[in-house]
Amino acid sequence: MCANFKPLTSQQIHDLGLPEIPFEYPEEVYPNYATPLLFQSDQGLEWRSVNFGFIPKWAEDKTIGTKTYNARNETLLQKPTFAEATAKCKFGVIPVSEFYESKYFDNKPQRWGVRRKDGKATFIAALYEIARVQDEIVRSASMITMDAIDHPMMKEFHEPGNIKRSVIVIPHERLHEWLNLTQPDIRSFVQGFPVEEFECSHVPKERIKKASPQLNFFDS
């Protein structure tokens, strides 16, 4: 699962010919942080600042976002949290310059970064929602994941065992197809990203003096 990433940079926005992002956002994102989401509106491609962690319309507060930042593609239409948004095809992408996963050595997790070799942003499939929570309008999103037990790179991450997951990467050339889906069948997009186009390396997390519990997910 992806619980930590760096959003795309201004240079990556320019290189991909995307609209400028009209709001500020963190250099590094964790659950319940704000992050840019790209989606298709009647006016074309648009950005929204969303909570990284899906907030369903029935939520009483935003704490649920610490548990809903990833959504399994296999159960999108079955889980009450995601079913309505999926049925309405509320699909977008969260573009990242690098996302982080844990690789275990001697039963201890290390933070590893995954990125494109060409330096361009990676489009991660996302499901988004707009809800009113305690009189506040909240836009939120979750990254959609897939089984990765057979993926050459992603099978090396996560806790030891036979459960391996990966975010779903939307190829650049299929962005508009993804953003314009009119039915919730996303099976043609559930493909492991081409490992030859990506690289990964150990990226130790900088220590933060006042870290919240979710920021201590990685020990190194």
N, C-alpha and C. Protein backbone atom coordinates (compact mmCIF):
# COMPACT_ATOMS: atom_id res chain seq x y z
N MET A 1 0.84 -1.18 0.00
CA MET A 1 0.00 0.00 0.00
C MET A 1 0.88 1.23 0.00
N CYS A 2 0.37 2.30 -0.58
CA CYS A 2 1.13 3.54 -0.63
C CYS A 2 0.55 4.51 0.39
N ALA A 3 1.35 4.84 1.41
CA ALA A 3 0.90 5.75 2.46
C ALA A 3 1.69 7.04 2.46
N ASN A 4 2.61 7.21 1.52
CA ASN A 4 3.51 8.35 1.56
C ASN A 4 4.07 8.59 0.15
N PHE A 5 4.08 9.83 -0.29
CA PHE A 5 4.59 10.13 -1.62
C PHE A 5 4.94 11.60 -1.73
N LYS A 6 5.63 11.93 -2.81
CA LYS A 6 5.91 13.32 -3.15
C LYS A 6 5.09 13.68 -4.38
N PRO A 7 4.27 14.72 -4.29
CA PRO A 7 3.49 15.15 -5.46
C PRO A 7 4.41 15.61 -6.59
N LEU A 8 3.82 15.79 -7.76
CA LEU A 8 4.60 16.24 -8.90
C LEU A 8 5.15 17.65 -8.68
N THR A 9 6.20 17.96 -9.42
CA THR A 9 6.87 19.25 -9.31
C THR A 9 6.36 20.20 -10.40
N SER A 10 6.69 21.49 -10.26
CA SER A 10 6.29 22.46 -11.27
C SER A 10 6.94 22.14 -12.62
N GLN A 11 8.16 21.61 -12.61
CA GLN A 11 8.81 21.24 -13.85
C GLN A 11 8.08 20.09 -14.53
N GLN A 12 7.63 19.13 -13.75
CA GLN A 12 6.88 18.00 -14.31
C GLN A 12 5.54 18.46 -14.89
N ILE A 13 4.91 19.42 -14.23
CA ILE A 13 3.67 19.99 -14.76
C ILE A 13 3.93 20.59 -16.14
N HIS A 14 4.99 21.36 -16.25
CA HIS A 14 5.35 22.01 -17.51
C HIS A 14 5.68 20.97 -18.57
N ASP A 15 6.48 19.97 -18.23
CA ASP A 15 6.91 18.97 -19.21
C ASP A 15 5.74 18.18 -19.78
N LEU A 16 4.68 17.98 -18.99
CA LEU A 16 3.52 17.22 -19.44
C LEU A 16 2.45 18.11 -20.06
N GLY A 17 2.69 19.41 -20.08
CA GLY A 17 1.72 20.32 -20.68
C GLY A 17 0.42 20.40 -19.91
N LEU A 18 0.48 20.26 -18.59
CA LEU A 18 -0.71 20.28 -17.76
C LEU A 18 -1.00 21.71 -17.28
N PRO A 19 -2.25 21.98 -16.90
CA PRO A 19 -2.56 23.31 -16.36
C PRO A 19 -1.77 23.56 -15.08
N GLU A 20 -1.47 24.81 -14.81
CA GLU A 20 -0.78 25.16 -13.57
C GLU A 20 -1.70 24.87 -12.38
N ILE A 21 -1.11 24.47 -11.28
CA ILE A 21 -1.89 24.20 -10.07
C ILE A 21 -2.08 25.51 -9.31
N PRO A 22 -3.32 25.92 -9.09
CA PRO A 22 -3.58 27.25 -8.52
C PRO A 22 -3.59 27.30 -7.00
N PHE A 23 -3.00 26.34 -6.34
CA PHE A 23 -2.97 26.33 -4.88
C PHE A 23 -1.67 25.68 -4.42
N GLU A 24 -1.31 25.93 -3.17
CA GLU A 24 -0.10 25.35 -2.61
C GLU A 24 -0.37 23.95 -2.08
N TYR A 25 0.67 23.14 -2.02
CA TYR A 25 0.52 21.79 -1.48
C TYR A 25 1.85 21.32 -0.90
N PRO A 26 1.82 20.34 0.01
CA PRO A 26 3.05 19.91 0.69
C PRO A 26 4.04 19.27 -0.27
N GLU A 27 5.31 19.31 0.09
CA GLU A 27 6.34 18.65 -0.70
C GLU A 27 6.30 17.14 -0.49
N GLU A 28 5.74 16.71 0.63
CA GLU A 28 5.60 15.27 0.92
C GLU A 28 4.25 15.05 1.58
N VAL A 29 3.58 13.98 1.20
CA VAL A 29 2.19 13.76 1.63
C VAL A 29 2.05 12.46 2.39
N TYR A 30 1.26 12.51 3.45
CA TYR A 30 0.88 11.35 4.26
C TYR A 30 -0.64 11.33 4.36
N PRO A 31 -1.24 10.26 4.90
CA PRO A 31 -2.70 10.23 5.05
C PRO A 31 -3.23 11.45 5.79
N ASN A 32 -4.33 11.98 5.27
CA ASN A 32 -5.02 13.17 5.78
C ASN A 32 -4.25 14.47 5.53
N TYR A 33 -3.27 14.43 4.63
CA TYR A 33 -2.64 15.64 4.12
C TYR A 33 -3.36 16.04 2.82
N ALA A 34 -3.23 17.29 2.44
CA ALA A 34 -3.77 17.75 1.17
C ALA A 34 -2.82 17.40 0.03
N THR A 35 -3.38 17.07 -1.13
CA THR A 35 -2.57 16.77 -2.31
C THR A 35 -3.34 17.14 -3.57
N PRO A 36 -2.68 17.44 -4.67
CA PRO A 36 -3.38 17.76 -5.91
C PRO A 36 -3.97 16.51 -6.57
N LEU A 37 -5.19 16.65 -7.06
CA LEU A 37 -5.87 15.62 -7.84
C LEU A 37 -6.21 16.21 -9.20
N LEU A 38 -5.95 15.48 -10.27
CA LEU A 38 -6.29 15.91 -11.62
C LEU A 38 -7.51 15.13 -12.08
N PHE A 39 -8.53 15.85 -12.59
CA PHE A 39 -9.73 15.18 -13.07
C PHE A 39 -10.28 15.93 -14.27
N GLN A 40 -11.27 15.32 -14.91
CA GLN A 40 -11.88 15.91 -16.10
C GLN A 40 -13.21 16.55 -15.74
N SER A 41 -13.36 17.83 -16.07
CA SER A 41 -14.62 18.53 -15.86
C SER A 41 -15.16 18.95 -17.21
N ASP A 42 -16.29 19.61 -17.21
CA ASP A 42 -16.86 20.10 -18.46
C ASP A 42 -15.96 21.14 -19.11
N GLN A 43 -15.08 21.76 -18.32
CA GLN A 43 -14.17 22.78 -18.84
C GLN A 43 -12.82 22.20 -19.27
N GLY A 44 -12.63 20.90 -19.07
CA GLY A 44 -11.37 20.26 -19.43
C GLY A 44 -10.65 19.74 -18.20
N LEU A 45 -9.33 19.60 -18.28
CA LEU A 45 -8.55 19.11 -17.16
C LEU A 45 -8.52 20.16 -16.05
N GLU A 46 -8.80 19.72 -14.82
CA GLU A 46 -8.79 20.65 -13.69
C GLU A 46 -8.11 20.01 -12.49
N TRP A 47 -7.57 20.87 -11.64
CA TRP A 47 -6.96 20.45 -10.39
C TRP A 47 -7.87 20.74 -9.22
N ARG A 48 -7.84 19.86 -8.22
CA ARG A 48 -8.49 20.12 -6.95
C ARG A 48 -7.54 19.71 -5.84
N SER A 49 -7.57 20.46 -4.76
CA SER A 49 -6.84 20.06 -3.56
C SER A 49 -7.73 19.09 -2.81
N VAL A 50 -7.24 17.87 -2.59
CA VAL A 50 -8.05 16.84 -1.92
C VAL A 50 -7.32 16.28 -0.72
N ASN A 51 -8.08 15.76 0.20
CA ASN A 51 -7.54 15.04 1.35
C ASN A 51 -7.07 13.67 0.90
N PHE A 52 -5.81 13.32 1.20
CA PHE A 52 -5.32 11.98 0.86
C PHE A 52 -5.86 11.01 1.90
N GLY A 53 -6.95 10.37 1.57
CA GLY A 53 -7.71 9.52 2.47
C GLY A 53 -9.18 9.79 2.18
N PHE A 54 -9.87 8.81 1.67
CA PHE A 54 -11.24 8.97 1.17
C PHE A 54 -12.22 9.23 2.32
N ILE A 55 -13.02 10.27 2.17
CA ILE A 55 -14.02 10.63 3.18
C ILE A 55 -15.41 10.41 2.56
N PRO A 56 -16.09 9.31 2.90
CA PRO A 56 -17.42 9.06 2.33
C PRO A 56 -18.45 10.05 2.86
N LYS A 57 -19.57 10.15 2.17
CA LYS A 57 -20.59 11.13 2.54
C LYS A 57 -21.18 10.88 3.92
N TRP A 58 -21.11 9.63 4.38
CA TRP A 58 -21.71 9.32 5.68
C TRP A 58 -20.73 9.50 6.85
N ALA A 59 -19.50 9.90 6.58
CA ALA A 59 -18.50 10.03 7.64
C ALA A 59 -18.87 11.16 8.60
N GLU A 60 -18.64 10.94 9.89
CA GLU A 60 -18.91 11.96 10.90
C GLU A 60 -17.74 12.91 11.10
N ASP A 61 -16.54 12.47 10.74
CA ASP A 61 -15.36 13.33 10.80
C ASP A 61 -14.33 12.81 9.82
N LYS A 62 -13.17 13.45 9.77
CA LYS A 62 -12.16 13.10 8.77
C LYS A 62 -11.16 12.05 9.23
N THR A 63 -11.32 11.54 10.44
CA THR A 63 -10.34 10.57 10.93
C THR A 63 -10.34 9.29 10.10
N ILE A 64 -11.45 8.99 9.43
CA ILE A 64 -11.51 7.78 8.60
C ILE A 64 -10.46 7.83 7.49
N GLY A 65 -10.01 9.03 7.14
CA GLY A 65 -9.04 9.17 6.06
C GLY A 65 -7.72 8.49 6.33
N THR A 66 -7.39 8.24 7.60
CA THR A 66 -6.14 7.55 7.93
C THR A 66 -6.21 6.06 7.59
N LYS A 67 -7.40 5.58 7.22
CA LYS A 67 -7.58 4.16 6.90
C LYS A 67 -8.03 3.94 5.46
N THR A 68 -8.36 5.02 4.75
CA THR A 68 -8.97 4.87 3.43
C THR A 68 -8.16 5.52 2.32
N TYR A 69 -6.85 5.63 2.51
CA TYR A 69 -6.02 6.26 1.48
C TYR A 69 -5.72 5.31 0.32
N ASN A 70 -5.95 4.02 0.52
CA ASN A 70 -5.85 3.03 -0.57
C ASN A 70 -7.17 2.30 -0.70
N ALA A 71 -7.54 1.94 -1.93
CA ALA A 71 -8.79 1.22 -2.19
C ALA A 71 -8.51 0.07 -3.15
N ARG A 72 -8.87 -1.14 -2.75
CA ARG A 72 -8.65 -2.31 -3.60
C ARG A 72 -9.58 -2.27 -4.81
N ASN A 73 -9.03 -2.43 -5.99
CA ASN A 73 -9.87 -2.39 -7.19
C ASN A 73 -10.88 -3.53 -7.22
N GLU A 74 -10.53 -4.64 -6.59
CA GLU A 74 -11.39 -5.82 -6.64
C GLU A 74 -12.73 -5.61 -5.93
N THR A 75 -12.76 -4.68 -4.96
CA THR A 75 -13.97 -4.53 -4.13
C THR A 75 -14.53 -3.11 -4.15
N LEU A 76 -14.18 -2.32 -5.15
CA LEU A 76 -14.65 -0.94 -5.20
C LEU A 76 -16.17 -0.83 -5.17
N LEU A 77 -16.83 -1.74 -5.86
CA LEU A 77 -18.29 -1.67 -5.94
C LEU A 77 -18.99 -2.40 -4.80
N GLN A 78 -18.21 -3.11 -3.97
CA GLN A 78 -18.79 -3.84 -2.85
C GLN A 78 -18.65 -3.10 -1.53
N LYS A 79 -17.57 -2.35 -1.37
CA LYS A 79 -17.33 -1.66 -0.10
C LYS A 79 -18.21 -0.42 0.01
N PRO A 80 -18.99 -0.30 1.09
CA PRO A 80 -19.86 0.87 1.25
C PRO A 80 -19.11 2.21 1.16
N THR A 81 -17.85 2.22 1.61
CA THR A 81 -17.08 3.45 1.58
C THR A 81 -16.89 3.97 0.16
N PHE A 82 -16.64 3.05 -0.79
CA PHE A 82 -16.27 3.45 -2.14
C PHE A 82 -17.34 3.21 -3.21
N ALA A 83 -18.37 2.46 -2.89
CA ALA A 83 -19.32 1.99 -3.91
C ALA A 83 -20.00 3.12 -4.68
N GLU A 84 -20.51 4.12 -3.98
CA GLU A 84 -21.26 5.18 -4.66
C GLU A 84 -20.36 5.98 -5.62
N ALA A 85 -19.18 6.36 -5.15
CA ALA A 85 -18.28 7.14 -6.00
C ALA A 85 -17.84 6.31 -7.21
N THR A 86 -17.62 5.02 -7.01
CA THR A 86 -17.22 4.15 -8.12
C THR A 86 -18.33 4.05 -9.15
N ALA A 87 -19.55 3.84 -8.69
CA ALA A 87 -20.69 3.73 -9.60
C ALA A 87 -20.87 5.00 -10.42
N LYS A 88 -20.49 6.15 -9.84
CA LYS A 88 -20.61 7.43 -10.54
C LYS A 88 -19.34 7.80 -11.31
N CYS A 89 -18.39 6.85 -11.37
CA CYS A 89 -17.15 7.04 -12.13
C CYS A 89 -16.39 8.30 -11.72
N LYS A 90 -16.24 8.49 -10.43
CA LYS A 90 -15.48 9.64 -9.94
C LYS A 90 -13.99 9.27 -9.91
N PHE A 91 -13.44 9.14 -11.11
CA PHE A 91 -12.04 8.72 -11.25
C PHE A 91 -11.16 9.91 -11.60
N GLY A 92 -10.00 9.98 -10.97
CA GLY A 92 -9.02 10.99 -11.27
C GLY A 92 -7.64 10.37 -11.16
N VAL A 93 -6.62 11.20 -11.17
CA VAL A 93 -5.26 10.71 -10.92
C VAL A 93 -4.58 11.61 -9.90
N ILE A 94 -3.76 11.00 -9.08
CA ILE A 94 -2.87 11.73 -8.18
C ILE A 94 -1.47 11.62 -8.78
N PRO A 95 -0.98 12.69 -9.39
CA PRO A 95 0.35 12.62 -10.02
C PRO A 95 1.44 12.76 -8.95
N VAL A 96 2.43 11.89 -9.02
CA VAL A 96 3.51 11.91 -8.03
C VAL A 96 4.86 11.92 -8.73
N SER A 97 5.83 12.49 -8.08
CA SER A 97 7.21 12.42 -8.59
C SER A 97 7.89 11.16 -8.05
N GLU A 98 7.41 10.70 -6.89
CA GLU A 98 7.99 9.50 -6.27
C GLU A 98 7.01 9.01 -5.21
N PHE A 99 6.81 7.69 -5.16
CA PHE A 99 6.01 7.15 -4.06
C PHE A 99 6.84 6.14 -3.29
N TYR A 100 6.47 5.95 -2.03
CA TYR A 100 7.31 5.17 -1.12
C TYR A 100 6.63 3.88 -0.68
N GLU A 101 7.43 2.85 -0.58
CA GLU A 101 6.96 1.55 -0.10
C GLU A 101 7.99 1.00 0.88
N SER A 102 7.57 0.03 1.68
CA SER A 102 8.48 -0.55 2.66
C SER A 102 9.06 -1.87 2.15
N LYS A 103 10.36 -2.01 2.29
CA LYS A 103 11.05 -3.26 1.98
C LYS A 103 11.68 -3.75 3.28
N TYR A 104 11.48 -5.02 3.59
CA TYR A 104 11.89 -5.54 4.89
C TYR A 104 13.25 -6.23 4.84
N PHE A 105 14.09 -5.87 5.81
CA PHE A 105 15.39 -6.50 6.01
C PHE A 105 15.50 -6.86 7.48
N ASP A 106 15.70 -8.13 7.78
CA ASP A 106 15.75 -8.61 9.17
C ASP A 106 14.49 -8.19 9.93
N ASN A 107 13.36 -8.29 9.24
CA ASN A 107 12.04 -7.97 9.81
C ASN A 107 11.86 -6.50 10.15
N LYS A 108 12.72 -5.64 9.63
CA LYS A 108 12.59 -4.21 9.85
C LYS A 108 12.34 -3.51 8.52
N PRO A 109 11.36 -2.57 8.48
CA PRO A 109 11.05 -1.91 7.21
C PRO A 109 12.01 -0.78 6.88
N GLN A 110 12.38 -0.72 5.62
CA GLN A 110 13.13 0.41 5.09
C GLN A 110 12.23 1.11 4.06
N ARG A 111 12.34 2.42 4.01
CA ARG A 111 11.56 3.18 3.04
C ARG A 111 12.29 3.24 1.70
N TRP A 112 11.63 2.75 0.66
CA TRP A 112 12.18 2.78 -0.68
C TRP A 112 11.29 3.65 -1.57
N GLY A 113 11.92 4.41 -2.45
CA GLY A 113 11.20 5.27 -3.37
C GLY A 113 11.11 4.66 -4.75
N VAL A 114 9.95 4.79 -5.38
CA VAL A 114 9.72 4.29 -6.74
C VAL A 114 9.41 5.48 -7.63
N ARG A 115 10.08 5.57 -8.78
CA ARG A 115 9.91 6.71 -9.66
C ARG A 115 10.16 6.31 -11.11
N ARG A 116 9.70 7.16 -12.02
CA ARG A 116 9.97 6.93 -13.43
C ARG A 116 11.43 7.26 -13.75
N LYS A 117 12.03 6.48 -14.65
CA LYS A 117 13.41 6.73 -15.03
C LYS A 117 13.57 8.01 -15.84
N ASP A 118 12.51 8.40 -16.57
CA ASP A 118 12.62 9.58 -17.42
C ASP A 118 12.35 10.88 -16.68
N GLY A 119 12.08 10.79 -15.37
CA GLY A 119 11.88 11.99 -14.58
C GLY A 119 10.49 12.59 -14.66
N LYS A 120 9.60 12.01 -15.45
CA LYS A 120 8.25 12.53 -15.56
C LYS A 120 7.40 12.07 -14.38
N ALA A 121 6.27 12.74 -14.18
CA ALA A 121 5.36 12.36 -13.10
C ALA A 121 4.69 11.03 -13.39
N THR A 122 4.36 10.33 -12.33
CA THR A 122 3.61 9.07 -12.43
C THR A 122 2.15 9.37 -12.09
N PHE A 123 1.25 8.95 -12.98
CA PHE A 123 -0.19 9.15 -12.74
C PHE A 123 -0.74 7.93 -11.99
N ILE A 124 -1.14 8.13 -10.75
CA ILE A 124 -1.70 7.03 -9.96
C ILE A 124 -3.22 7.14 -9.96
N ALA A 125 -3.88 6.02 -10.32
CA ALA A 125 -5.33 5.98 -10.39
C ALA A 125 -5.94 6.31 -9.04
N ALA A 126 -6.96 7.16 -9.06
CA ALA A 126 -7.59 7.59 -7.81
C ALA A 126 -9.10 7.63 -7.94
N LEU A 127 -9.75 7.46 -6.81
CA LEU A 127 -11.20 7.60 -6.69
C LEU A 127 -11.45 8.77 -5.75
N TYR A 128 -12.33 9.70 -6.15
CA TYR A 128 -12.52 10.89 -5.32
C TYR A 128 -13.98 11.08 -4.93
N GLU A 129 -14.19 11.93 -3.94
CA GLU A 129 -15.53 12.21 -3.44
C GLU A 129 -15.59 13.64 -2.90
N ILE A 130 -16.79 14.18 -2.84
CA ILE A 130 -17.05 15.47 -2.20
C ILE A 130 -18.11 15.23 -1.14
N ALA A 131 -17.82 15.59 0.08
CA ALA A 131 -18.75 15.32 1.18
C ALA A 131 -18.83 16.54 2.09
N ARG A 132 -19.91 16.64 2.83
CA ARG A 132 -20.04 17.67 3.85
C ARG A 132 -19.83 17.00 5.21
N VAL A 133 -18.79 17.43 5.89
CA VAL A 133 -18.44 16.86 7.19
C VAL A 133 -18.41 17.98 8.22
N GLN A 134 -19.34 17.92 9.16
CA GLN A 134 -19.44 18.94 10.20
C GLN A 134 -19.44 20.35 9.60
N ASP A 135 -20.33 20.54 8.63
CA ASP A 135 -20.53 21.83 7.96
C ASP A 135 -19.34 22.29 7.12
N GLU A 136 -18.42 21.38 6.84
CA GLU A 136 -17.28 21.69 5.98
C GLU A 136 -17.36 20.86 4.71
N ILE A 137 -17.16 21.48 3.56
CA ILE A 137 -17.11 20.75 2.30
C ILE A 137 -15.71 20.15 2.17
N VAL A 138 -15.65 18.82 2.09
CA VAL A 138 -14.37 18.11 2.04
C VAL A 138 -14.24 17.34 0.73
N ARG A 139 -13.19 17.63 0.00
CA ARG A 139 -12.84 16.85 -1.19
C ARG A 139 -11.74 15.88 -0.80
N SER A 140 -11.89 14.64 -1.19
CA SER A 140 -10.94 13.62 -0.76
C SER A 140 -10.73 12.59 -1.86
N ALA A 141 -9.69 11.79 -1.70
CA ALA A 141 -9.38 10.79 -2.72
C ALA A 141 -8.60 9.63 -2.11
N SER A 142 -8.69 8.50 -2.77
CA SER A 142 -7.95 7.30 -2.40
C SER A 142 -7.22 6.78 -3.63
N MET A 143 -6.01 6.27 -3.45
CA MET A 143 -5.30 5.62 -4.54
C MET A 143 -5.86 4.21 -4.72
N ILE A 144 -6.10 3.81 -5.97
CA ILE A 144 -6.65 2.48 -6.25
C ILE A 144 -5.49 1.50 -6.42
N THR A 145 -5.61 0.34 -5.78
CA THR A 145 -4.52 -0.64 -5.78
C THR A 145 -4.92 -1.95 -6.46
N MET A 146 -3.90 -2.75 -6.73
CA MET A 146 -4.08 -4.05 -7.39
C MET A 146 -3.15 -5.07 -6.76
N ASP A 147 -3.43 -6.33 -7.03
CA ASP A 147 -2.55 -7.41 -6.57
C ASP A 147 -1.21 -7.30 -7.29
N ALA A 148 -0.11 -7.47 -6.56
CA ALA A 148 1.22 -7.32 -7.15
C ALA A 148 2.12 -8.51 -6.86
N ILE A 149 1.54 -9.65 -6.53
CA ILE A 149 2.33 -10.81 -6.15
C ILE A 149 3.27 -11.27 -7.27
N ASP A 150 2.90 -10.94 -8.53
CA ASP A 150 3.73 -11.37 -9.67
C ASP A 150 4.49 -10.21 -10.32
N HIS A 151 4.40 -9.01 -9.74
CA HIS A 151 5.09 -7.88 -10.35
C HIS A 151 6.58 -7.91 -9.99
N PRO A 152 7.47 -7.82 -10.97
CA PRO A 152 8.91 -7.96 -10.70
C PRO A 152 9.45 -7.01 -9.64
N MET A 153 8.93 -5.78 -9.58
CA MET A 153 9.44 -4.81 -8.61
C MET A 153 8.59 -4.78 -7.35
N MET A 154 7.27 -4.67 -7.49
CA MET A 154 6.40 -4.44 -6.34
C MET A 154 6.27 -5.67 -5.43
N LYS A 155 6.56 -6.86 -5.93
CA LYS A 155 6.47 -8.05 -5.08
C LYS A 155 7.55 -8.08 -4.01
N GLU A 156 8.56 -7.21 -4.15
CA GLU A 156 9.64 -7.15 -3.18
C GLU A 156 9.32 -6.27 -1.98
N PHE A 157 8.17 -5.56 -2.05
CA PHE A 157 7.81 -4.64 -0.97
C PHE A 157 6.76 -5.24 -0.04
N HIS A 158 6.47 -4.50 1.02
CA HIS A 158 5.46 -4.86 2.01
C HIS A 158 5.95 -5.96 2.94
N GLU A 159 5.16 -6.27 3.94
CA GLU A 159 5.56 -7.26 4.93
C GLU A 159 5.74 -8.64 4.28
N PRO A 160 6.65 -9.46 4.82
CA PRO A 160 6.84 -10.80 4.28
C PRO A 160 5.51 -11.56 4.27
N GLY A 161 5.26 -12.29 3.22
CA GLY A 161 4.01 -13.04 3.10
C GLY A 161 3.53 -13.04 1.67
N ASN A 162 2.33 -13.57 1.45
CA ASN A 162 1.82 -13.72 0.09
C ASN A 162 0.82 -12.63 -0.30
N ILE A 163 0.77 -11.54 0.47
CA ILE A 163 -0.09 -10.41 0.11
C ILE A 163 0.80 -9.24 -0.29
N LYS A 164 0.76 -8.92 -1.57
CA LYS A 164 1.53 -7.81 -2.11
C LYS A 164 0.59 -6.93 -2.93
N ARG A 165 0.69 -5.63 -2.72
CA ARG A 165 -0.19 -4.70 -3.42
C ARG A 165 0.63 -3.62 -4.12
N SER A 166 0.03 -3.03 -5.14
CA SER A 166 0.65 -1.93 -5.86
C SER A 166 -0.41 -0.92 -6.24
N VAL A 167 -0.03 0.34 -6.29
CA VAL A 167 -0.92 1.33 -6.87
C VAL A 167 -1.08 1.01 -8.35
N ILE A 168 -2.18 1.45 -8.93
CA ILE A 168 -2.41 1.29 -10.36
C ILE A 168 -1.90 2.54 -11.06
N VAL A 169 -0.97 2.34 -11.97
CA VAL A 169 -0.38 3.46 -12.71
C VAL A 169 -1.11 3.62 -14.05
N ILE A 170 -1.60 4.82 -14.30
CA ILE A 170 -2.27 5.11 -15.57
C ILE A 170 -1.22 5.59 -16.57
N PRO A 171 -1.04 4.88 -17.70
CA PRO A 171 -0.07 5.33 -18.70
C PRO A 171 -0.41 6.74 -19.19
N HIS A 172 0.59 7.54 -19.47
CA HIS A 172 0.36 8.91 -19.92
C HIS A 172 -0.59 8.96 -21.12
N GLU A 173 -0.40 8.00 -22.04
CA GLU A 173 -1.19 8.02 -23.27
C GLU A 173 -2.65 7.59 -23.05
N ARG A 174 -2.97 7.07 -21.85
CA ARG A 174 -4.34 6.65 -21.56
C ARG A 174 -5.02 7.56 -20.52
N LEU A 175 -4.39 8.69 -20.22
CA LEU A 175 -4.93 9.59 -19.20
C LEU A 175 -6.35 10.02 -19.52
N HIS A 176 -6.59 10.52 -20.71
CA HIS A 176 -7.92 11.02 -21.06
C HIS A 176 -8.95 9.89 -21.09
N GLU A 177 -8.53 8.71 -21.50
CA GLU A 177 -9.43 7.56 -21.48
C GLU A 177 -9.87 7.25 -20.06
N TRP A 178 -8.94 7.27 -19.13
CA TRP A 178 -9.24 7.00 -17.72
C TRP A 178 -10.15 8.07 -17.13
N LEU A 179 -9.84 9.31 -17.39
CA LEU A 179 -10.60 10.40 -16.79
C LEU A 179 -12.00 10.56 -17.39
N ASN A 180 -12.22 9.95 -18.53
CA ASN A 180 -13.53 10.07 -19.19
C ASN A 180 -14.34 8.79 -19.16
N LEU A 181 -14.02 7.87 -18.26
CA LEU A 181 -14.79 6.65 -18.14
C LEU A 181 -16.25 6.97 -17.80
N THR A 182 -17.16 6.26 -18.45
CA THR A 182 -18.59 6.46 -18.20
C THR A 182 -19.23 5.23 -17.57
N GLN A 183 -18.42 4.20 -17.33
CA GLN A 183 -18.88 3.00 -16.63
C GLN A 183 -17.76 2.54 -15.71
N PRO A 184 -18.11 1.90 -14.60
CA PRO A 184 -17.11 1.63 -13.55
C PRO A 184 -16.24 0.39 -13.75
N ASP A 185 -16.25 -0.19 -14.94
CA ASP A 185 -15.41 -1.36 -15.21
C ASP A 185 -14.00 -0.87 -15.54
N ILE A 186 -13.07 -1.02 -14.61
CA ILE A 186 -11.71 -0.51 -14.82
C ILE A 186 -10.71 -1.63 -15.08
N ARG A 187 -11.19 -2.81 -15.42
CA ARG A 187 -10.29 -3.96 -15.54
C ARG A 187 -9.18 -3.76 -16.57
N SER A 188 -9.43 -3.03 -17.63
CA SER A 188 -8.39 -2.85 -18.65
C SER A 188 -7.23 -2.00 -18.13
N PHE A 189 -7.44 -1.28 -17.01
CA PHE A 189 -6.38 -0.46 -16.43
C PHE A 189 -5.63 -1.18 -15.31
N VAL A 190 -6.14 -2.34 -14.91
CA VAL A 190 -5.52 -3.07 -13.80
C VAL A 190 -4.35 -3.88 -14.35
N GLN A 191 -3.26 -3.18 -14.56
CA GLN A 191 -2.06 -3.79 -15.11
C GLN A 191 -0.84 -3.28 -14.33
N GLY A 192 0.09 -4.17 -14.07
CA GLY A 192 1.31 -3.74 -13.40
C GLY A 192 2.10 -2.80 -14.30
N PHE A 193 2.66 -1.74 -13.75
CA PHE A 193 3.41 -0.80 -14.57
C PHE A 193 4.66 -1.47 -15.15
N PRO A 194 5.09 -1.03 -16.34
CA PRO A 194 6.27 -1.63 -16.99
C PRO A 194 7.53 -1.37 -16.19
N VAL A 195 8.09 -2.41 -15.61
CA VAL A 195 9.21 -2.25 -14.68
C VAL A 195 10.42 -1.61 -15.35
N GLU A 196 10.58 -1.79 -16.67
CA GLU A 196 11.74 -1.23 -17.35
C GLU A 196 11.69 0.30 -17.42
N GLU A 197 10.52 0.90 -17.16
CA GLU A 197 10.39 2.35 -17.19
C GLU A 197 10.54 2.99 -15.81
N PHE A 198 10.72 2.14 -14.78
CA PHE A 198 10.78 2.65 -13.41
C PHE A 198 12.06 2.19 -12.72
N GLU A 199 12.37 2.86 -11.63
CA GLU A 199 13.52 2.49 -10.81
C GLU A 199 13.15 2.69 -9.35
N CYS A 200 13.89 2.06 -8.46
CA CYS A 200 13.63 2.22 -7.04
C CYS A 200 14.95 2.23 -6.28
N SER A 201 14.93 2.86 -5.11
CA SER A 201 16.13 2.92 -4.29
C SER A 201 15.74 3.20 -2.85
N HIS A 202 16.67 2.93 -1.94
CA HIS A 202 16.45 3.18 -0.51
C HIS A 202 16.45 4.68 -0.27
N VAL A 203 15.37 5.19 0.33
CA VAL A 203 15.25 6.62 0.61
C VAL A 203 14.89 6.78 2.09
N PRO A 204 15.87 6.86 2.97
CA PRO A 204 15.58 7.02 4.41
C PRO A 204 14.74 8.26 4.66
N LYS A 205 13.82 8.15 5.58
CA LYS A 205 12.95 9.26 5.91
C LYS A 205 13.65 10.20 6.88
N GLU A 206 13.54 11.50 6.60
CA GLU A 206 14.11 12.47 7.50
C GLU A 206 13.31 12.49 8.80
N ARG A 207 14.02 12.58 9.90
CA ARG A 207 13.36 12.60 11.20
C ARG A 207 12.61 13.92 11.40
N ILE A 208 11.38 13.83 11.87
CA ILE A 208 10.57 15.00 12.14
C ILE A 208 10.34 15.08 13.63
N LYS A 209 10.63 16.23 14.24
CA LYS A 209 10.57 16.36 15.69
C LYS A 209 9.19 16.06 16.24
N LYS A 210 8.16 16.63 15.62
CA LYS A 210 6.81 16.45 16.12
C LYS A 210 6.01 15.63 15.12
N ALA A 211 6.37 14.36 14.99
CA ALA A 211 5.70 13.50 14.02
C ALA A 211 4.45 12.88 14.64
N SER A 212 3.39 12.82 13.84
CA SER A 212 2.18 12.14 14.27
C SER A 212 2.38 10.65 14.08
N PRO A 213 1.54 9.80 14.69
CA PRO A 213 1.75 8.35 14.62
C PRO A 213 1.90 7.83 13.20
N GLN A 214 1.11 8.35 12.21
CA GLN A 214 1.20 7.79 10.89
C GLN A 214 2.52 8.12 10.21
N LEU A 215 3.23 9.16 10.70
CA LEU A 215 4.50 9.51 10.10
C LEU A 215 5.62 8.56 10.52
N ASN A 216 5.38 7.73 11.52
CA ASN A 216 6.39 6.80 11.99
C ASN A 216 6.20 5.40 11.40
N PHE A 217 5.56 5.35 10.24
CA PHE A 217 5.28 4.05 9.60
C PHE A 217 6.60 3.33 9.25
N PHE A 218 7.60 4.11 8.85
CA PHE A 218 8.89 3.52 8.50
C PHE A 218 9.92 3.83 9.59
N ASP A 219 10.75 2.86 9.86
CA ASP A 219 11.80 3.04 10.86
C ASP A 219 13.07 3.59 10.24
N SER A 220 13.22 3.40 8.95
CA SER A 220 14.46 3.89 8.29
C SER A 220 14.21 4.09 6.83
